[in-house]
Amino acid sequence: MNEMKQILNRLFARPSPSKDDAKQRLKILLIHDQVDLTPAQLEAMQEEITAVIQKYVEIDRENSEVRLERGDDRIALISSVPVRRVIERGGERGAVPA
């Protein structure tokens, strides 16, 4: 949960905002309005996505990021989740050793 707050803080709490920074923040707000997700819902979604990923791999949660981006005709969920190692799933078909 705190990771999403950190991401939002990084996006919105900059010491000297420039014109480009203000545009980026406005884009984020518009995207959130279009998909009708509150910051709390986005944070919950990130937690759920992270929980599923962690079933299969060990990740670096502090450097993970999940965000929404607007394209020409779509809104995309973009994630960057550094993987530390694959978790061995003993005895399961298709298991990948660590």
C-alpha atoms as a PDB file:
ATOM      1  CA  MET A   1       0.000   0.000   0.000  1.00  0.00           C
ATOM      2  CA  ASN A   2       2.736   2.447   0.885  1.00  0.00           C
ATOM      3  CA  GLU A   3       4.419   1.937  -2.478  1.00  0.00           C
ATOM      4  CA  MET A   4       1.544   3.602  -4.303  1.00  0.00           C
ATOM      5  CA  LYS A   5       1.639   6.518  -1.871  1.00  0.00           C
ATOM      6  CA  GLN A   6       5.360   6.868  -2.548  1.00  0.00           C
ATOM      7  CA  ILE A   7       4.718   6.856  -6.291  1.00  0.00           C
ATOM      8  CA  LEU A   8       2.012   9.497  -5.964  1.00  0.00           C
ATOM      9  CA  ASN A   9       4.271  11.567  -3.705  1.00  0.00           C
ATOM     10  CA  ARG A  10       7.051  11.391  -6.287  1.00  0.00           C
ATOM     11  CA  LEU A  11       4.649  12.514  -8.981  1.00  0.00           C
ATOM     12  CA  PHE A  12       3.027  15.351  -7.064  1.00  0.00           C
ATOM     13  CA  ALA A  13       5.654  16.535  -4.546  1.00  0.00           C
ATOM     14  CA  ARG A  14       8.453  18.124  -6.510  1.00  0.00           C
ATOM     15  CA  PRO A  15      10.404  21.073  -5.161  1.00  0.00           C
ATOM     16  CA  SER A  16      10.229  23.338  -8.233  1.00  0.00           C
ATOM     17  CA  PRO A  17       7.501  22.283 -10.630  1.00  0.00           C
ATOM     18  CA  SER A  18       8.096  23.159 -14.243  1.00  0.00           C
ATOM     19  CA  LYS A  19       5.575  23.540 -17.018  1.00  0.00           C
ATOM     20  CA  ASP A  20       6.241  19.943 -18.151  1.00  0.00           C
ATOM     21  CA  ASP A  21       5.766  18.618 -14.612  1.00  0.00           C
ATOM     22  CA  ALA A  22       2.446  20.423 -14.332  1.00  0.00           C
ATOM     23  CA  LYS A  23       1.339  18.948 -17.680  1.00  0.00           C
ATOM     24  CA  GLN A  24       2.266  15.442 -16.511  1.00  0.00           C
ATOM     25  CA  ARG A  25       0.316  15.824 -13.272  1.00  0.00           C
ATOM     26  CA  LEU A  26      -2.695  17.101 -15.192  1.00  0.00           C
ATOM     27  CA  LYS A  27      -2.499  14.108 -17.558  1.00  0.00           C
ATOM     28  CA  ILE A  28      -2.483  11.738 -14.584  1.00  0.00           C
ATOM     29  CA  LEU A  29      -5.509  13.432 -13.058  1.00  0.00           C
ATOM     30  CA  LEU A  30      -7.388  13.316 -16.377  1.00  0.00           C
ATOM     31  CA  ILE A  31      -6.599   9.629 -16.825  1.00  0.00           C
ATOM     32  CA  HIS A  32      -7.852   8.854 -13.331  1.00  0.00           C
ATOM     33  CA  ASP A  33     -11.060  10.746 -14.098  1.00  0.00           C
ATOM     34  CA  GLN A  34     -11.554   8.853 -17.376  1.00  0.00           C
ATOM     35  CA  VAL A  35     -11.125   5.413 -15.843  1.00  0.00           C
ATOM     36  CA  ASP A  36     -13.050   6.466 -12.756  1.00  0.00           C
ATOM     37  CA  LEU A  37     -10.488   5.077 -10.280  1.00  0.00           C
ATOM     38  CA  THR A  38      -9.696   6.842  -7.040  1.00  0.00           C
ATOM     39  CA  PRO A  39      -6.098   6.851  -5.778  1.00  0.00           C
ATOM     40  CA  ALA A  40      -7.208   4.306  -3.135  1.00  0.00           C
ATOM     41  CA  GLN A  41      -8.615   2.017  -5.848  1.00  0.00           C
ATOM     42  CA  LEU A  42      -5.439   2.346  -7.905  1.00  0.00           C
ATOM     43  CA  GLU A  43      -3.398   1.491  -4.810  1.00  0.00           C
ATOM     44  CA  ALA A  44      -5.605  -1.551  -4.114  1.00  0.00           C
ATOM     45  CA  MET A  45      -5.231  -2.662  -7.732  1.00  0.00           C
ATOM     46  CA  GLN A  46      -1.450  -2.360  -7.457  1.00  0.00           C
ATOM     47  CA  GLU A  47      -1.471  -4.460  -4.275  1.00  0.00           C
ATOM     48  CA  GLU A  48      -3.558  -7.176  -5.934  1.00  0.00           C
ATOM     49  CA  ILE A  49      -1.383  -7.243  -9.062  1.00  0.00           C
ATOM     50  CA  THR A  50       1.741  -7.389  -6.896  1.00  0.00           C
ATOM     51  CA  ALA A  51       0.302 -10.250  -4.821  1.00  0.00           C
ATOM     52  CA  VAL A  52      -0.322 -12.323  -7.960  1.00  0.00           C
ATOM     53  CA  ILE A  53       3.171 -11.630  -9.318  1.00  0.00           C
ATOM     54  CA  GLN A  54       4.694 -12.623  -5.970  1.00  0.00           C
ATOM     55  CA  LYS A  55       3.169 -16.094  -6.270  1.00  0.00           C
ATOM     56  CA  TYR A  56       5.664 -16.785  -9.043  1.00  0.00           C
ATOM     57  CA  VAL A  57       8.670 -14.503  -8.505  1.00  0.00           C
ATOM     58  CA  GLU A  58      10.379 -12.578  -5.733  1.00  0.00           C
ATOM     59  CA  ILE A  59      10.188  -8.878  -6.575  1.00  0.00           C
ATOM     60  CA  ASP A  60      11.732  -5.603  -5.455  1.00  0.00           C
ATOM     61  CA  ARG A  61       8.597  -3.900  -4.086  1.00  0.00           C
ATOM     62  CA  GLU A  62      10.341  -0.602  -3.298  1.00  0.00           C
ATOM     63  CA  ASN A  63      11.277  -0.085  -6.941  1.00  0.00           C
ATOM     64  CA  SER A  64       8.023  -1.436  -8.401  1.00  0.00           C
ATOM     65  CA  GLU A  65       5.694   0.924 -10.194  1.00  0.00           C
ATOM     66  CA  VAL A  66       2.186   0.587 -11.591  1.00  0.00           C
ATOM     67  CA  ARG A  67       0.640   3.541 -13.391  1.00  0.00           C
ATOM     68  CA  LEU A  68      -1.922   4.477 -15.998  1.00  0.00           C
ATOM     69  CA  GLU A  69      -0.830   6.158 -19.235  1.00  0.00           C
ATOM     70  CA  ARG A  70      -2.928   7.710 -21.936  1.00  0.00           C
ATOM     71  CA  GLY A  71      -2.134   6.862 -25.551  1.00  0.00           C
ATOM     72  CA  ASP A  72      -3.702   8.254 -28.703  1.00  0.00           C
ATOM     73  CA  ASP A  73      -6.875   6.208 -28.426  1.00  0.00           C
ATOM     74  CA  ARG A  74      -6.460   4.224 -25.228  1.00  0.00           C
ATOM     75  CA  ILE A  75      -5.471   4.213 -21.602  1.00  0.00           C
ATOM     76  CA  ALA A  76      -2.850   1.617 -20.688  1.00  0.00           C
ATOM     77  CA  LEU A  77      -1.795   0.101 -17.393  1.00  0.00           C
ATOM     78  CA  ILE A  78       2.004   0.260 -17.323  1.00  0.00           C
ATOM     79  CA  SER A  79       4.028  -1.608 -14.749  1.00  0.00           C
ATOM     80  CA  SER A  80       7.685  -1.929 -13.952  1.00  0.00           C
ATOM     81  CA  VAL A  81       8.339  -4.682 -11.431  1.00  0.00           C
ATOM     82  CA  PRO A  82      11.980  -5.651 -10.887  1.00  0.00           C
ATOM     83  CA  VAL A  83      12.279  -9.428 -10.425  1.00  0.00           C
ATOM     84  CA  ARG A  84      14.901 -10.705  -7.985  1.00  0.00           C
ATOM     85  CA  ARG A  85      14.422 -14.409  -8.631  1.00  0.00           C
ATOM     86  CA  VAL A  86      11.923 -17.025  -9.761  1.00  0.00           C
ATOM     87  CA  ILE A  87      10.279 -18.896  -6.898  1.00  0.00           C
ATOM     88  CA  GLU A  88      10.544 -22.670  -7.140  1.00  0.00           C
ATOM     89  CA  ARG A  89       7.111 -24.225  -7.076  1.00  0.00           C
ATOM     90  CA  GLY A  90       7.950 -27.741  -5.962  1.00  0.00           C
ATOM     91  CA  GLY A  91       6.286 -30.573  -7.805  1.00  0.00           C
ATOM     92  CA  GLU A  92       4.122 -28.406 -10.029  1.00  0.00           C
ATOM     93  CA  ARG A  93       4.090 -29.063 -13.719  1.00  0.00           C
ATOM     94  CA  GLY A  94       6.120 -26.447 -15.541  1.00  0.00           C
ATOM     95  CA  ALA A  95       7.923 -25.307 -12.402  1.00  0.00           C
ATOM     96  CA  VAL A  96      11.000 -23.231 -13.027  1.00  0.00           C
ATOM     97  CA  PRO A  97      13.872 -23.774 -10.572  1.00  0.00           C
ATOM     98  CA  ALA A  98      15.287 -20.720  -8.777  1.00  0.00           C
END
